[in-house]
Amino acid sequence: MRKAARHQPFLRGKTIRMKSLLSLLILALLLCGTSTAQENPANRYRNFPVIITLQFHSLSMPFRDLGGTFRNIGLGIGTEVSFNGRHDWVQQFSTLWYRNKATGNGWVLYTQTAYRPDIGNAGWYGEVKAGIGYYLVKRPNPGWQQVDGQWQPAAKKGKGMLTIPVGIGAGYHHWSAQTYAAPFATYQFMPAIGYNQSVPVVPQTFLQLGTAVHPDY
């Protein structure tokens, strides 16, 4: 009981910091969306934007250990192509790198189909998406394998695995005559499939904050 009581102030402080950080991220998204609002409905969607993301990785099931997510940062870049000439139905192509000392750094190459229904008439939208990808994860420490009854360093320093990424998110978009930016936030579940026989599926999640920059070609 005394040990639990000692940890209560720490847990409350951690919860307050998490809420403050999430509030700041939401405020930044709102400000970014407001600053890029230049409406021109006659201008249609432009294919092949440059999508830049800041990633936060967590080895957990969806919506678990959100505090741990913010400890492991990474970067991503990608693009997308519209199926219907508008922003609401697209195919995305992305790659990301993340840093995680506990589980090993990783790289993911993936593609997803995204559907984005508008939320009202102010430029906000929701997003659901799913696809397929490939993990390449490095070992956090040197690996060993048994050869002829003796343990020797493993030749391979990483492992490739399949992933089926599923995500939800929200963002803001408005047209402009030249370049415009569309900020967004996405929460993704990207399980690593085929880790080993004992643990065939490893749950992994990503919080992604970024923007799609649509240049005027």
C-alpha atoms as a PDB file:
ATOM      1  CA  MET A   1       0.000   0.000   0.000  1.00  0.00           C
ATOM      2  CA  ARG A   2       2.821   2.423   0.856  1.00  0.00           C
ATOM      3  CA  LYS A   3       4.575   1.630  -2.442  1.00  0.00           C
ATOM      4  CA  ALA A   4       1.378   2.312  -4.405  1.00  0.00           C
ATOM      5  CA  ALA A   5       0.870   5.576  -2.524  1.00  0.00           C
ATOM      6  CA  ARG A   6       4.407   6.717  -3.385  1.00  0.00           C
ATOM      7  CA  HIS A   7       3.751   6.139  -7.100  1.00  0.00           C
ATOM      8  CA  GLN A   8       0.395   7.964  -7.196  1.00  0.00           C
ATOM      9  CA  PRO A   9       1.858  11.529  -7.447  1.00  0.00           C
ATOM     10  CA  PHE A  10       4.204  10.369 -10.224  1.00  0.00           C
ATOM     11  CA  LEU A  11       1.334   8.773 -12.181  1.00  0.00           C
ATOM     12  CA  ARG A  12      -0.842  11.867 -11.750  1.00  0.00           C
ATOM     13  CA  GLY A  13       2.023  14.056 -12.967  1.00  0.00           C
ATOM     14  CA  LYS A  14       2.587  11.818 -15.986  1.00  0.00           C
ATOM     15  CA  THR A  15      -1.139  11.935 -16.850  1.00  0.00           C
ATOM     16  CA  ILE A  16      -1.163  15.744 -16.612  1.00  0.00           C
ATOM     17  CA  ARG A  17       1.900  15.987 -18.890  1.00  0.00           C
ATOM     18  CA  MET A  18       0.264  13.683 -21.433  1.00  0.00           C
ATOM     19  CA  LYS A  19      -2.941  15.746 -21.479  1.00  0.00           C
ATOM     20  CA  SER A  20      -0.947  18.974 -21.847  1.00  0.00           C
ATOM     21  CA  LEU A  21       1.087  17.547 -24.744  1.00  0.00           C
ATOM     22  CA  LEU A  22      -2.022  16.306 -26.552  1.00  0.00           C
ATOM     23  CA  SER A  23      -3.676  19.712 -26.068  1.00  0.00           C
ATOM     24  CA  LEU A  24      -0.643  21.460 -27.572  1.00  0.00           C
ATOM     25  CA  LEU A  25      -0.633  19.091 -30.555  1.00  0.00           C
ATOM     26  CA  ILE A  26      -4.331  19.717 -31.210  1.00  0.00           C
ATOM     27  CA  LEU A  27      -3.802  23.487 -30.900  1.00  0.00           C
ATOM     28  CA  ALA A  28      -0.886  23.335 -33.358  1.00  0.00           C
ATOM     29  CA  LEU A  29      -3.053  21.435 -35.847  1.00  0.00           C
ATOM     30  CA  LEU A  30      -5.825  24.036 -35.528  1.00  0.00           C
ATOM     31  CA  LEU A  31      -3.430  26.947 -36.015  1.00  0.00           C
ATOM     32  CA  CYS A  32      -1.776  25.297 -38.994  1.00  0.00           C
ATOM     33  CA  GLY A  33      -5.138  24.611 -40.592  1.00  0.00           C
ATOM     34  CA  THR A  34      -6.316  28.170 -40.045  1.00  0.00           C
ATOM     35  CA  SER A  35      -3.146  29.646 -41.521  1.00  0.00           C
ATOM     36  CA  THR A  36      -3.462  27.607 -44.743  1.00  0.00           C
ATOM     37  CA  ALA A  37      -7.139  28.264 -45.413  1.00  0.00           C
ATOM     38  CA  GLN A  38      -7.385  29.849 -48.844  1.00  0.00           C
ATOM     39  CA  GLU A  39     -10.600  28.643 -50.426  1.00  0.00           C
ATOM     40  CA  ASN A  40     -10.860  28.111 -54.162  1.00  0.00           C
ATOM     41  CA  PRO A  41     -13.430  25.329 -54.821  1.00  0.00           C
ATOM     42  CA  ALA A  42     -12.832  25.515 -58.595  1.00  0.00           C
ATOM     43  CA  ASN A  43      -9.347  24.086 -58.107  1.00  0.00           C
ATOM     44  CA  ARG A  44      -9.360  20.281 -58.062  1.00  0.00           C
ATOM     45  CA  TYR A  45      -7.129  17.924 -56.091  1.00  0.00           C
ATOM     46  CA  ARG A  46      -3.467  17.722 -57.166  1.00  0.00           C
ATOM     47  CA  ASN A  47      -1.838  14.292 -57.310  1.00  0.00           C
ATOM     48  CA  PHE A  48       1.604  13.462 -55.901  1.00  0.00           C
ATOM     49  CA  PRO A  49       1.811  15.834 -52.923  1.00  0.00           C
ATOM     50  CA  VAL A  50       4.840  15.607 -50.643  1.00  0.00           C
ATOM     51  CA  ILE A  51       3.618  14.081 -47.353  1.00  0.00           C
ATOM     52  CA  ILE A  52       5.944  14.640 -44.396  1.00  0.00           C
ATOM     53  CA  THR A  53       5.227  13.065 -41.004  1.00  0.00           C
ATOM     54  CA  LEU A  54       6.607  13.021 -37.489  1.00  0.00           C
ATOM     55  CA  GLN A  55       6.173   9.514 -36.027  1.00  0.00           C
ATOM     56  CA  PHE A  56       5.819   8.230 -32.462  1.00  0.00           C
ATOM     57  CA  HIS A  57       6.183   4.459 -32.065  1.00  0.00           C
ATOM     58  CA  SER A  58       4.876   2.147 -29.350  1.00  0.00           C
ATOM     59  CA  LEU A  59       5.072  -1.629 -28.894  1.00  0.00           C
ATOM     60  CA  SER A  60       1.475  -2.024 -27.723  1.00  0.00           C
ATOM     61  CA  MET A  61      -2.111  -2.748 -28.667  1.00  0.00           C
ATOM     62  CA  PRO A  62      -4.161   0.201 -30.019  1.00  0.00           C
ATOM     63  CA  PHE A  63      -4.947   2.936 -27.497  1.00  0.00           C
ATOM     64  CA  ARG A  64      -2.708   1.364 -24.853  1.00  0.00           C
ATOM     65  CA  ASP A  65       0.451   2.915 -23.389  1.00  0.00           C
ATOM     66  CA  LEU A  66      -0.034   6.315 -25.033  1.00  0.00           C
ATOM     67  CA  GLY A  67       2.664   7.718 -22.759  1.00  0.00           C
ATOM     68  CA  GLY A  68       5.174   5.243 -24.163  1.00  0.00           C
ATOM     69  CA  THR A  69       4.308   6.301 -27.698  1.00  0.00           C
ATOM     70  CA  PHE A  70       5.867   9.743 -27.248  1.00  0.00           C
ATOM     71  CA  ARG A  71       9.266   8.320 -26.226  1.00  0.00           C
ATOM     72  CA  ASN A  72      10.156   6.818 -29.621  1.00  0.00           C
ATOM     73  CA  ILE A  73      10.375   9.340 -32.419  1.00  0.00           C
ATOM     74  CA  GLY A  74      10.752   8.866 -36.154  1.00  0.00           C
ATOM     75  CA  LEU A  75      10.275  10.509 -39.544  1.00  0.00           C
ATOM     76  CA  GLY A  76       8.295   9.593 -42.631  1.00  0.00           C
ATOM     77  CA  ILE A  77       7.808  10.715 -46.217  1.00  0.00           C
ATOM     78  CA  GLY A  78       5.353   9.704 -48.916  1.00  0.00           C
ATOM     79  CA  THR A  79       2.870  10.725 -51.570  1.00  0.00           C
ATOM     80  CA  GLU A  80      -0.603   9.783 -52.822  1.00  0.00           C
ATOM     81  CA  VAL A  81      -2.792   9.535 -55.939  1.00  0.00           C
ATOM     82  CA  SER A  82      -6.527  10.221 -56.104  1.00  0.00           C
ATOM     83  CA  PHE A  83      -8.968   7.661 -57.499  1.00  0.00           C
ATOM     84  CA  ASN A  84     -11.616  10.249 -58.411  1.00  0.00           C
ATOM     85  CA  GLY A  85      -9.802  13.572 -58.820  1.00  0.00           C
ATOM     86  CA  ARG A  86     -10.667  14.701 -55.277  1.00  0.00           C
ATOM     87  CA  HIS A  87      -9.003  14.379 -51.880  1.00  0.00           C
ATOM     88  CA  ASP A  88     -11.573  11.984 -50.362  1.00  0.00           C
ATOM     89  CA  TRP A  89     -10.520   8.690 -52.011  1.00  0.00           C
ATOM     90  CA  VAL A  90      -6.771   8.126 -52.481  1.00  0.00           C
ATOM     91  CA  GLN A  91      -3.973   5.578 -52.569  1.00  0.00           C
ATOM     92  CA  GLN A  92      -0.985   6.461 -50.395  1.00  0.00           C
ATOM     93  CA  PHE A  93       2.637   5.302 -50.697  1.00  0.00           C
ATOM     94  CA  SER A  94       4.814   5.874 -47.640  1.00  0.00           C
ATOM     95  CA  THR A  95       8.040   4.995 -45.921  1.00  0.00           C
ATOM     96  CA  LEU A  96       9.002   5.717 -42.314  1.00  0.00           C
ATOM     97  CA  TRP A  97      11.885   5.238 -39.930  1.00  0.00           C
ATOM     98  CA  TYR A  98      11.568   5.105 -36.155  1.00  0.00           C
ATOM     99  CA  ARG A  99      13.991   4.887 -33.241  1.00  0.00           C
ATOM    100  CA  ASN A 100      13.372   2.518 -30.335  1.00  0.00           C
ATOM    101  CA  LYS A 101      16.245   1.451 -28.060  1.00  0.00           C
ATOM    102  CA  ALA A 102      14.204  -1.212 -26.275  1.00  0.00           C
ATOM    103  CA  THR A 103      12.903  -3.138 -29.310  1.00  0.00           C
ATOM    104  CA  GLY A 104      15.319  -2.012 -32.028  1.00  0.00           C
ATOM    105  CA  ASN A 105      15.110   0.692 -34.664  1.00  0.00           C
ATOM    106  CA  GLY A 106      12.882  -0.018 -37.633  1.00  0.00           C
ATOM    107  CA  TRP A 107      11.991   0.944 -41.157  1.00  0.00           C
ATOM    108  CA  VAL A 108       8.572   0.421 -42.782  1.00  0.00           C
ATOM    109  CA  LEU A 109       7.562   0.618 -46.442  1.00  0.00           C
ATOM    110  CA  TYR A 110       3.778   0.498 -46.965  1.00  0.00           C
ATOM    111  CA  THR A 111       0.807   1.523 -49.096  1.00  0.00           C
ATOM    112  CA  GLN A 112      -2.754   2.249 -47.954  1.00  0.00           C
ATOM    113  CA  THR A 113      -6.133   3.058 -49.447  1.00  0.00           C
ATOM    114  CA  ALA A 114      -7.669   6.032 -47.607  1.00  0.00           C
ATOM    115  CA  TYR A 115     -11.250   7.286 -47.454  1.00  0.00           C
ATOM    116  CA  ARG A 116     -11.782  10.832 -46.130  1.00  0.00           C
ATOM    117  CA  PRO A 117     -15.351  12.006 -45.548  1.00  0.00           C
ATOM    118  CA  ASP A 118     -15.749  15.748 -45.013  1.00  0.00           C
ATOM    119  CA  ILE A 119     -16.767  17.012 -41.585  1.00  0.00           C
ATOM    120  CA  GLY A 120     -19.004  20.020 -42.224  1.00  0.00           C
ATOM    121  CA  ASN A 121     -18.106  22.683 -44.790  1.00  0.00           C
ATOM    122  CA  ALA A 122     -15.114  24.285 -43.049  1.00  0.00           C
ATOM    123  CA  GLY A 123     -12.388  22.101 -44.594  1.00  0.00           C
ATOM    124  CA  TRP A 124     -12.112  19.452 -41.857  1.00  0.00           C
ATOM    125  CA  TYR A 125     -12.249  15.756 -42.686  1.00  0.00           C
ATOM    126  CA  GLY A 126     -12.081  12.354 -41.027  1.00  0.00           C
ATOM    127  CA  GLU A 127     -10.010   9.463 -42.363  1.00  0.00           C
ATOM    128  CA  VAL A 128      -9.992   5.664 -42.304  1.00  0.00           C
ATOM    129  CA  LYS A 129      -7.383   3.652 -44.180  1.00  0.00           C
ATOM    130  CA  ALA A 130      -5.882   0.191 -44.537  1.00  0.00           C
ATOM    131  CA  GLY A 131      -3.205  -1.465 -46.629  1.00  0.00           C
ATOM    132  CA  ILE A 132      -0.136  -3.668 -46.647  1.00  0.00           C
ATOM    133  CA  GLY A 133       3.552  -3.119 -45.929  1.00  0.00           C
ATOM    134  CA  TYR A 134       6.938  -4.519 -44.981  1.00  0.00           C
ATOM    135  CA  TYR A 135       8.922  -4.094 -41.747  1.00  0.00           C
ATOM    136  CA  LEU A 136      12.693  -4.244 -41.461  1.00  0.00           C
ATOM    137  CA  VAL A 137      13.602  -4.200 -37.758  1.00  0.00           C
ATOM    138  CA  LYS A 138      17.127  -4.226 -36.321  1.00  0.00           C
ATOM    139  CA  ARG A 139      17.962  -6.095 -33.143  1.00  0.00           C
ATOM    140  CA  PRO A 140      18.392  -3.835 -30.088  1.00  0.00           C
ATOM    141  CA  ASN A 141      21.372  -5.977 -29.002  1.00  0.00           C
ATOM    142  CA  PRO A 142      23.764  -8.386 -30.781  1.00  0.00           C
ATOM    143  CA  GLY A 143      22.013 -11.641 -31.661  1.00  0.00           C
ATOM    144  CA  TRP A 144      23.273 -15.136 -30.958  1.00  0.00           C
ATOM    145  CA  GLN A 145      22.554 -18.530 -32.474  1.00  0.00           C
ATOM    146  CA  GLN A 146      23.530 -22.086 -31.563  1.00  0.00           C
ATOM    147  CA  VAL A 147      25.863 -23.819 -34.038  1.00  0.00           C
ATOM    148  CA  ASP A 148      27.182 -27.317 -33.312  1.00  0.00           C
ATOM    149  CA  GLY A 149      26.245 -26.974 -29.665  1.00  0.00           C
ATOM    150  CA  GLN A 150      27.983 -23.612 -29.225  1.00  0.00           C
ATOM    151  CA  TRP A 151      26.566 -20.084 -29.159  1.00  0.00           C
ATOM    152  CA  GLN A 152      27.923 -17.826 -31.910  1.00  0.00           C
ATOM    153  CA  PRO A 153      27.037 -14.288 -33.073  1.00  0.00           C
ATOM    154  CA  ALA A 154      24.125 -14.299 -35.523  1.00  0.00           C
ATOM    155  CA  ALA A 155      24.978 -13.189 -39.041  1.00  0.00           C
ATOM    156  CA  LYS A 156      21.709 -11.339 -39.572  1.00  0.00           C
ATOM    157  CA  LYS A 157      21.333  -8.051 -37.695  1.00  0.00           C
ATOM    158  CA  GLY A 158      17.654  -7.567 -38.462  1.00  0.00           C
ATOM    159  CA  LYS A 159      14.425  -9.228 -39.518  1.00  0.00           C
ATOM    160  CA  GLY A 160      11.897  -8.530 -42.268  1.00  0.00           C
ATOM    161  CA  MET A 161       8.189  -8.967 -41.553  1.00  0.00           C
ATOM    162  CA  LEU A 162       4.814  -8.376 -43.174  1.00  0.00           C
ATOM    163  CA  THR A 163       2.426  -5.763 -41.767  1.00  0.00           C
ATOM    164  CA  ILE A 164      -1.207  -4.851 -42.445  1.00  0.00           C
ATOM    165  CA  PRO A 165      -1.500  -1.200 -41.331  1.00  0.00           C
ATOM    166  CA  VAL A 166      -4.938   0.110 -40.305  1.00  0.00           C
ATOM    167  CA  GLY A 167      -5.431   3.734 -39.306  1.00  0.00           C
ATOM    168  CA  ILE A 168      -7.890   6.461 -38.351  1.00  0.00           C
ATOM    169  CA  GLY A 169      -7.284  10.181 -38.392  1.00  0.00           C
ATOM    170  CA  ALA A 170      -8.441  13.706 -39.058  1.00  0.00           C
ATOM    171  CA  GLY A 171      -7.106  16.675 -40.962  1.00  0.00           C
ATOM    172  CA  TYR A 172      -7.750  20.006 -42.604  1.00  0.00           C
ATOM    173  CA  HIS A 173      -7.600  20.981 -46.258  1.00  0.00           C
ATOM    174  CA  HIS A 174      -8.441  24.030 -48.344  1.00  0.00           C
ATOM    175  CA  TRP A 175      -7.449  24.939 -51.856  1.00  0.00           C
ATOM    176  CA  SER A 176      -5.145  27.777 -52.872  1.00  0.00           C
ATOM    177  CA  ALA A 177      -4.026  29.172 -56.210  1.00  0.00           C
ATOM    178  CA  GLN A 178      -0.396  28.142 -55.651  1.00  0.00           C
ATOM    179  CA  THR A 179       1.005  25.805 -52.999  1.00  0.00           C
ATOM    180  CA  TYR A 180      -1.166  24.714 -50.096  1.00  0.00           C
ATOM    181  CA  ALA A 181      -0.557  22.523 -47.075  1.00  0.00           C
ATOM    182  CA  ALA A 182      -3.034  20.068 -45.542  1.00  0.00           C
ATOM    183  CA  PRO A 183      -2.130  19.211 -41.900  1.00  0.00           C
ATOM    184  CA  PHE A 184      -3.338  15.968 -40.349  1.00  0.00           C
ATOM    185  CA  ALA A 185      -3.033  13.583 -37.396  1.00  0.00           C
ATOM    186  CA  THR A 186      -3.285   9.792 -37.787  1.00  0.00           C
ATOM    187  CA  TYR A 187      -3.259   6.889 -35.343  1.00  0.00           C
ATOM    188  CA  GLN A 188      -2.064   3.621 -36.921  1.00  0.00           C
ATOM    189  CA  PHE A 189      -2.034  -0.010 -35.834  1.00  0.00           C
ATOM    190  CA  MET A 190       0.810  -1.787 -37.705  1.00  0.00           C
ATOM    191  CA  PRO A 191       1.255  -5.348 -36.370  1.00  0.00           C
ATOM    192  CA  ALA A 192       4.498  -7.110 -37.285  1.00  0.00           C
ATOM    193  CA  ILE A 193       3.505 -10.531 -38.672  1.00  0.00           C
ATOM    194  CA  GLY A 194       5.893 -13.498 -38.553  1.00  0.00           C
ATOM    195  CA  TYR A 195       8.172 -12.457 -35.682  1.00  0.00           C
ATOM    196  CA  ASN A 196       8.800 -16.048 -34.532  1.00  0.00           C
ATOM    197  CA  GLN A 197       6.920 -19.292 -33.807  1.00  0.00           C
ATOM    198  CA  SER A 198       6.265 -18.390 -30.174  1.00  0.00           C
ATOM    199  CA  VAL A 199       5.101 -14.834 -30.938  1.00  0.00           C
ATOM    200  CA  PRO A 200       3.742 -14.824 -34.510  1.00  0.00           C
ATOM    201  CA  VAL A 201       2.237 -11.311 -34.289  1.00  0.00           C
ATOM    202  CA  VAL A 202       3.761  -8.327 -32.468  1.00  0.00           C
ATOM    203  CA  PRO A 203       1.350  -5.382 -31.925  1.00  0.00           C
ATOM    204  CA  GLN A 204       2.806  -1.986 -32.802  1.00  0.00           C
ATOM    205  CA  THR A 205       1.183   1.446 -33.029  1.00  0.00           C
ATOM    206  CA  PHE A 206       2.179   4.802 -34.488  1.00  0.00           C
ATOM    207  CA  LEU A 207       0.927   8.310 -33.839  1.00  0.00           C
ATOM    208  CA  GLN A 208       1.638  10.389 -36.956  1.00  0.00           C
ATOM    209  CA  LEU A 209       1.532  14.190 -37.176  1.00  0.00           C
ATOM    210  CA  GLY A 210       2.261  15.777 -40.504  1.00  0.00           C
ATOM    211  CA  THR A 211       1.238  17.756 -43.545  1.00  0.00           C
ATOM    212  CA  ALA A 212       0.681  17.103 -47.222  1.00  0.00           C
ATOM    213  CA  VAL A 213       2.215  19.884 -49.339  1.00  0.00           C
ATOM    214  CA  HIS A 214       0.495  20.227 -52.718  1.00  0.00           C
ATOM    215  CA  PRO A 215       2.649  22.278 -55.106  1.00  0.00           C
ATOM    216  CA  ASP A 216       1.292  24.049 -58.157  1.00  0.00           C
ATOM    217  CA  TYR A 217       2.856  22.101 -61.031  1.00  0.00           C
END
